[in-house]
Amino acid sequence: QLVESGGGLVQTGGSLRLSCAASGFSLINYSMSWVRQAPGKGFEWVADLNLGGSTSYADSVKGRFIVSGDFAENTLVLDLKSLIAEDTAVYYCTTWSNWGQGTQVTVSS
C-alpha cells in the first residue's frame, strides 16, 4: 500500500514536501515514480527514484523538484520548489503496479 501526504494550497514560488509512505513492501527494493494529473488532463510522469539511487526528472520540473527516499521510514519524498500554476495537480507515487490515492497540490497566483 502507498499513501501520499503533504499536498496543499501554496502561492506561486512556494514550496511543498510530498511524502509517500509504503507498507507491505520495502521501497528500497523498487524503482519508484511520482506522476501527476492536472485538472482535465492525462497523467504526466514527474520523477523517478531508481534502484541504486539515481534520479530522473521531467523537463517541466527539472531543477525545481527533488525526489529522494527515506528508507528508514520506508517513505518516498518529493520536494517541490519554485512552484508555478502549471504544477497544480494530484500527485501520485507508484511502482507502476501499485498506486497511492494521490495528494492535491494547488498553486495560486
N, C-alpha and C. Protein backbone atom coordinates (compact mmCIF):
# COMPACT_ATOMS: atom_id res chain seq x y z
N GLN A 1 0.84 -1.20 0.00
CA GLN A 1 0.00 0.00 0.00
C GLN A 1 0.87 1.25 0.00
N LEU A 2 0.43 2.25 -0.74
CA LEU A 2 1.11 3.53 -0.81
C LEU A 2 0.16 4.62 -0.38
N VAL A 3 0.61 5.50 0.50
CA VAL A 3 -0.23 6.59 0.99
C VAL A 3 0.54 7.90 0.89
N GLU A 4 0.05 8.79 0.03
CA GLU A 4 0.68 10.09 -0.15
C GLU A 4 0.14 11.10 0.86
N SER A 5 0.95 12.07 1.16
CA SER A 5 0.54 13.18 2.03
C SER A 5 1.41 14.38 1.73
N GLY A 6 1.01 15.53 2.27
CA GLY A 6 1.83 16.72 2.15
C GLY A 6 1.33 17.75 1.15
N GLY A 7 0.31 17.41 0.40
CA GLY A 7 -0.23 18.37 -0.56
C GLY A 7 -0.92 19.52 0.15
N GLY A 8 -1.28 20.53 -0.64
CA GLY A 8 -1.97 21.68 -0.07
C GLY A 8 -2.02 22.83 -1.04
N LEU A 9 -2.41 23.98 -0.51
CA LEU A 9 -2.51 25.21 -1.29
C LEU A 9 -1.28 26.06 -1.00
N VAL A 10 -0.61 26.49 -2.05
CA VAL A 10 0.60 27.28 -1.89
C VAL A 10 0.63 28.36 -2.96
N GLN A 11 1.26 29.47 -2.65
CA GLN A 11 1.37 30.55 -3.62
C GLN A 11 2.47 30.27 -4.63
N THR A 12 2.38 30.91 -5.76
CA THR A 12 3.43 30.83 -6.77
C THR A 12 4.77 31.15 -6.14
N GLY A 13 5.75 30.31 -6.44
CA GLY A 13 7.07 30.49 -5.88
C GLY A 13 7.30 29.75 -4.57
N GLY A 14 6.25 29.18 -4.04
CA GLY A 14 6.34 28.48 -2.76
C GLY A 14 6.88 27.08 -2.89
N SER A 15 6.91 26.39 -1.76
CA SER A 15 7.47 25.05 -1.68
C SER A 15 6.53 24.12 -0.93
N LEU A 16 6.66 22.84 -1.24
CA LEU A 16 5.94 21.79 -0.52
C LEU A 16 6.83 20.55 -0.48
N ARG A 17 6.56 19.72 0.50
CA ARG A 17 7.20 18.40 0.56
C ARG A 17 6.10 17.35 0.56
N LEU A 18 6.12 16.51 -0.44
CA LEU A 18 5.19 15.39 -0.53
C LEU A 18 5.87 14.13 -0.02
N SER A 19 5.11 13.32 0.70
CA SER A 19 5.60 12.05 1.19
C SER A 19 4.72 10.92 0.70
N CYS A 20 5.32 9.76 0.54
CA CYS A 20 4.60 8.57 0.11
C CYS A 20 5.06 7.43 1.01
N ALA A 21 4.21 7.06 1.94
CA ALA A 21 4.55 6.01 2.89
C ALA A 21 4.13 4.66 2.32
N ALA A 22 5.07 3.74 2.34
CA ALA A 22 4.80 2.40 1.82
C ALA A 22 4.62 1.42 2.96
N SER A 23 3.75 0.46 2.76
CA SER A 23 3.58 -0.63 3.71
C SER A 23 3.39 -1.92 2.93
N GLY A 24 3.86 -2.98 3.52
CA GLY A 24 3.73 -4.28 2.88
C GLY A 24 4.89 -4.65 1.98
N PHE A 25 5.76 -3.70 1.72
CA PHE A 25 6.96 -3.98 0.93
C PHE A 25 7.99 -2.91 1.24
N SER A 26 9.22 -3.16 0.87
CA SER A 26 10.31 -2.22 1.15
C SER A 26 10.62 -1.41 -0.10
N LEU A 27 10.50 -0.09 0.03
CA LEU A 27 10.75 0.78 -1.12
C LEU A 27 12.15 0.62 -1.68
N ILE A 28 13.10 0.27 -0.84
CA ILE A 28 14.49 0.20 -1.29
C ILE A 28 14.66 -0.86 -2.36
N ASN A 29 13.73 -1.79 -2.48
CA ASN A 29 13.82 -2.86 -3.46
C ASN A 29 13.13 -2.54 -4.78
N TYR A 30 12.61 -1.32 -4.89
CA TYR A 30 11.83 -0.94 -6.07
C TYR A 30 12.31 0.38 -6.65
N SER A 31 12.18 0.51 -7.95
CA SER A 31 12.21 1.83 -8.55
C SER A 31 10.84 2.46 -8.34
N MET A 32 10.83 3.72 -7.97
CA MET A 32 9.59 4.42 -7.65
C MET A 32 9.45 5.66 -8.51
N SER A 33 8.21 6.02 -8.76
CA SER A 33 7.94 7.18 -9.58
C SER A 33 6.91 8.09 -8.93
N TRP A 34 7.01 9.35 -9.26
CA TRP A 34 5.95 10.32 -8.99
C TRP A 34 5.30 10.66 -10.33
N VAL A 35 3.99 10.70 -10.33
CA VAL A 35 3.19 11.01 -11.51
C VAL A 35 2.14 12.01 -11.07
N ARG A 36 1.74 12.90 -11.95
CA ARG A 36 0.72 13.86 -11.58
C ARG A 36 -0.36 13.95 -12.65
N GLN A 37 -1.52 14.41 -12.24
CA GLN A 37 -2.63 14.62 -13.16
C GLN A 37 -3.24 15.98 -12.88
N ALA A 38 -3.08 16.87 -13.83
CA ALA A 38 -3.67 18.20 -13.72
C ALA A 38 -5.15 18.12 -14.08
N PRO A 39 -5.93 19.11 -13.63
CA PRO A 39 -7.36 19.10 -13.92
C PRO A 39 -7.64 18.99 -15.41
N GLY A 40 -8.44 18.02 -15.79
CA GLY A 40 -8.84 17.86 -17.18
C GLY A 40 -7.78 17.31 -18.10
N LYS A 41 -6.65 16.86 -17.54
CA LYS A 41 -5.55 16.37 -18.37
C LYS A 41 -5.20 14.93 -18.01
N GLY A 42 -4.37 14.33 -18.81
CA GLY A 42 -3.92 12.98 -18.56
C GLY A 42 -2.79 12.95 -17.55
N PHE A 43 -2.32 11.75 -17.26
CA PHE A 43 -1.22 11.59 -16.33
C PHE A 43 0.09 12.05 -16.95
N GLU A 44 0.91 12.68 -16.13
CA GLU A 44 2.22 13.16 -16.56
C GLU A 44 3.27 12.60 -15.60
N TRP A 45 4.25 11.91 -16.16
CA TRP A 45 5.36 11.45 -15.33
C TRP A 45 6.16 12.64 -14.84
N VAL A 46 6.56 12.59 -13.56
CA VAL A 46 7.27 13.71 -12.94
C VAL A 46 8.72 13.34 -12.62
N ALA A 47 8.91 12.23 -11.92
CA ALA A 47 10.27 11.91 -11.47
C ALA A 47 10.36 10.44 -11.09
N ASP A 48 11.56 9.91 -11.18
CA ASP A 48 11.88 8.55 -10.75
C ASP A 48 12.98 8.56 -9.71
N LEU A 49 12.85 7.67 -8.76
CA LEU A 49 13.97 7.28 -7.91
C LEU A 49 14.24 5.82 -8.26
N ASN A 50 15.38 5.60 -8.92
CA ASN A 50 15.68 4.28 -9.46
C ASN A 50 16.44 3.44 -8.45
N LEU A 51 16.41 2.13 -8.67
CA LEU A 51 17.24 1.24 -7.87
C LEU A 51 18.69 1.68 -7.99
N GLY A 52 19.36 1.74 -6.89
CA GLY A 52 20.73 2.23 -6.88
C GLY A 52 20.83 3.70 -6.54
N GLY A 53 19.68 4.40 -6.58
CA GLY A 53 19.66 5.77 -6.11
C GLY A 53 19.70 6.85 -7.17
N SER A 54 19.83 6.49 -8.44
CA SER A 54 19.82 7.53 -9.46
C SER A 54 18.42 8.11 -9.60
N THR A 55 18.35 9.33 -10.10
CA THR A 55 17.07 10.01 -10.24
C THR A 55 16.90 10.51 -11.67
N SER A 56 15.63 10.67 -12.06
CA SER A 56 15.29 11.21 -13.37
C SER A 56 14.12 12.15 -13.19
N TYR A 57 14.08 13.20 -14.02
CA TYR A 57 13.03 14.21 -13.89
C TYR A 57 12.48 14.59 -15.26
N ALA A 58 11.21 14.91 -15.27
CA ALA A 58 10.62 15.52 -16.45
C ALA A 58 11.22 16.90 -16.64
N ASP A 59 11.34 17.33 -17.89
CA ASP A 59 11.91 18.64 -18.17
C ASP A 59 11.14 19.75 -17.47
N SER A 60 9.84 19.55 -17.33
CA SER A 60 8.99 20.59 -16.75
C SER A 60 9.27 20.84 -15.26
N VAL A 61 9.93 19.91 -14.60
CA VAL A 61 10.19 20.07 -13.16
C VAL A 61 11.68 20.04 -12.83
N LYS A 62 12.50 19.76 -13.80
CA LYS A 62 13.94 19.64 -13.56
C LYS A 62 14.49 20.95 -12.98
N GLY A 63 15.27 20.81 -11.92
CA GLY A 63 15.84 21.98 -11.26
C GLY A 63 14.94 22.58 -10.19
N ARG A 64 13.68 22.12 -10.13
CA ARG A 64 12.75 22.64 -9.13
C ARG A 64 12.29 21.54 -8.16
N PHE A 65 12.21 20.32 -8.63
CA PHE A 65 11.73 19.20 -7.79
C PHE A 65 12.91 18.27 -7.50
N ILE A 66 12.89 17.68 -6.33
CA ILE A 66 13.90 16.69 -5.95
C ILE A 66 13.20 15.47 -5.35
N VAL A 67 13.52 14.29 -5.89
CA VAL A 67 12.96 13.04 -5.38
C VAL A 67 14.02 12.35 -4.55
N SER A 68 13.59 11.78 -3.44
CA SER A 68 14.52 11.07 -2.56
C SER A 68 13.77 9.99 -1.80
N GLY A 69 14.54 9.16 -1.13
CA GLY A 69 13.92 8.10 -0.33
C GLY A 69 14.41 8.16 1.10
N ASP A 70 13.48 8.05 2.03
CA ASP A 70 13.82 7.88 3.44
C ASP A 70 13.55 6.41 3.75
N PHE A 71 14.57 5.60 3.51
CA PHE A 71 14.33 4.16 3.58
C PHE A 71 14.18 3.66 5.01
N ALA A 72 14.69 4.40 5.97
CA ALA A 72 14.46 4.04 7.37
C ALA A 72 12.98 4.13 7.71
N GLU A 73 12.31 5.10 7.08
CA GLU A 73 10.87 5.30 7.28
C GLU A 73 10.04 4.65 6.17
N ASN A 74 10.72 4.01 5.21
CA ASN A 74 10.04 3.37 4.07
C ASN A 74 9.14 4.37 3.35
N THR A 75 9.70 5.56 3.10
CA THR A 75 8.93 6.67 2.54
C THR A 75 9.65 7.27 1.36
N LEU A 76 8.90 7.55 0.31
CA LEU A 76 9.40 8.28 -0.85
C LEU A 76 9.02 9.75 -0.67
N VAL A 77 9.94 10.63 -1.00
CA VAL A 77 9.74 12.06 -0.78
C VAL A 77 9.90 12.80 -2.09
N LEU A 78 9.09 13.82 -2.28
CA LEU A 78 9.25 14.73 -3.42
C LEU A 78 9.21 16.15 -2.87
N ASP A 79 10.34 16.84 -2.99
CA ASP A 79 10.43 18.24 -2.59
C ASP A 79 10.14 19.11 -3.80
N LEU A 80 9.14 19.97 -3.66
CA LEU A 80 8.71 20.84 -4.74
C LEU A 80 9.09 22.28 -4.38
N LYS A 81 9.81 22.94 -5.28
CA LYS A 81 10.21 24.32 -5.04
C LYS A 81 9.86 25.17 -6.26
N SER A 82 9.85 26.48 -6.05
CA SER A 82 9.56 27.42 -7.14
C SER A 82 8.31 27.01 -7.89
N LEU A 83 7.27 26.73 -7.13
CA LEU A 83 6.04 26.22 -7.72
C LEU A 83 5.36 27.26 -8.61
N ILE A 84 4.77 26.77 -9.68
CA ILE A 84 4.03 27.60 -10.62
C ILE A 84 2.63 27.02 -10.80
N ALA A 85 1.77 27.79 -11.41
CA ALA A 85 0.37 27.37 -11.56
C ALA A 85 0.27 26.03 -12.30
N GLU A 86 1.16 25.82 -13.24
CA GLU A 86 1.14 24.59 -14.04
C GLU A 86 1.48 23.34 -13.23
N ASP A 87 1.95 23.53 -12.00
CA ASP A 87 2.22 22.39 -11.13
C ASP A 87 0.98 21.92 -10.39
N THR A 88 -0.10 22.66 -10.51
CA THR A 88 -1.35 22.27 -9.87
C THR A 88 -1.82 20.93 -10.43
N ALA A 89 -1.98 19.96 -9.54
CA ALA A 89 -2.34 18.60 -9.97
C ALA A 89 -2.51 17.72 -8.74
N VAL A 90 -3.05 16.53 -8.99
CA VAL A 90 -3.00 15.48 -7.99
C VAL A 90 -1.72 14.70 -8.23
N TYR A 91 -0.93 14.53 -7.20
CA TYR A 91 0.36 13.85 -7.30
C TYR A 91 0.23 12.44 -6.71
N TYR A 92 0.73 11.48 -7.49
CA TYR A 92 0.67 10.08 -7.10
C TYR A 92 2.08 9.50 -7.04
N CYS A 93 2.31 8.63 -6.08
CA CYS A 93 3.52 7.81 -6.11
C CYS A 93 3.11 6.43 -6.59
N THR A 94 4.05 5.77 -7.26
CA THR A 94 3.70 4.49 -7.86
C THR A 94 4.92 3.65 -8.11
N THR A 95 4.71 2.32 -8.03
CA THR A 95 5.69 1.36 -8.51
C THR A 95 5.30 0.92 -9.92
N TRP A 96 4.24 1.48 -10.44
CA TRP A 96 3.60 1.15 -11.72
C TRP A 96 2.74 -0.09 -11.62
N SER A 97 2.85 -0.84 -10.53
CA SER A 97 1.86 -1.88 -10.26
C SER A 97 1.02 -1.52 -9.04
N ASN A 98 1.59 -0.71 -8.17
CA ASN A 98 0.87 -0.19 -7.01
C ASN A 98 0.79 1.33 -7.11
N TRP A 99 -0.36 1.89 -6.73
CA TRP A 99 -0.58 3.33 -6.78
C TRP A 99 -1.15 3.79 -5.45
N GLY A 100 -0.76 5.00 -5.06
CA GLY A 100 -1.39 5.62 -3.92
C GLY A 100 -2.68 6.29 -4.35
N GLN A 101 -3.33 6.94 -3.40
CA GLN A 101 -4.61 7.60 -3.68
C GLN A 101 -4.42 9.02 -4.18
N GLY A 102 -3.19 9.53 -4.06
CA GLY A 102 -2.89 10.86 -4.55
C GLY A 102 -3.03 11.93 -3.48
N THR A 103 -2.31 13.02 -3.70
CA THR A 103 -2.41 14.19 -2.83
C THR A 103 -2.48 15.44 -3.70
N GLN A 104 -3.40 16.33 -3.37
CA GLN A 104 -3.67 17.50 -4.21
C GLN A 104 -2.67 18.61 -3.92
N VAL A 105 -2.08 19.14 -4.97
CA VAL A 105 -1.24 20.34 -4.89
C VAL A 105 -1.91 21.43 -5.71
N THR A 106 -2.17 22.56 -5.09
CA THR A 106 -2.78 23.68 -5.77
C THR A 106 -1.89 24.91 -5.60
N VAL A 107 -1.49 25.48 -6.72
CA VAL A 107 -0.61 26.65 -6.71
C VAL A 107 -1.43 27.85 -7.16
N SER A 108 -1.53 28.85 -6.31
CA SER A 108 -2.31 30.04 -6.62
C SER A 108 -1.39 31.21 -6.95
N SER A 109 -1.87 32.05 -7.83
CA SER A 109 -1.07 33.22 -8.23
C SER A 109 -1.41 34.42 -7.36
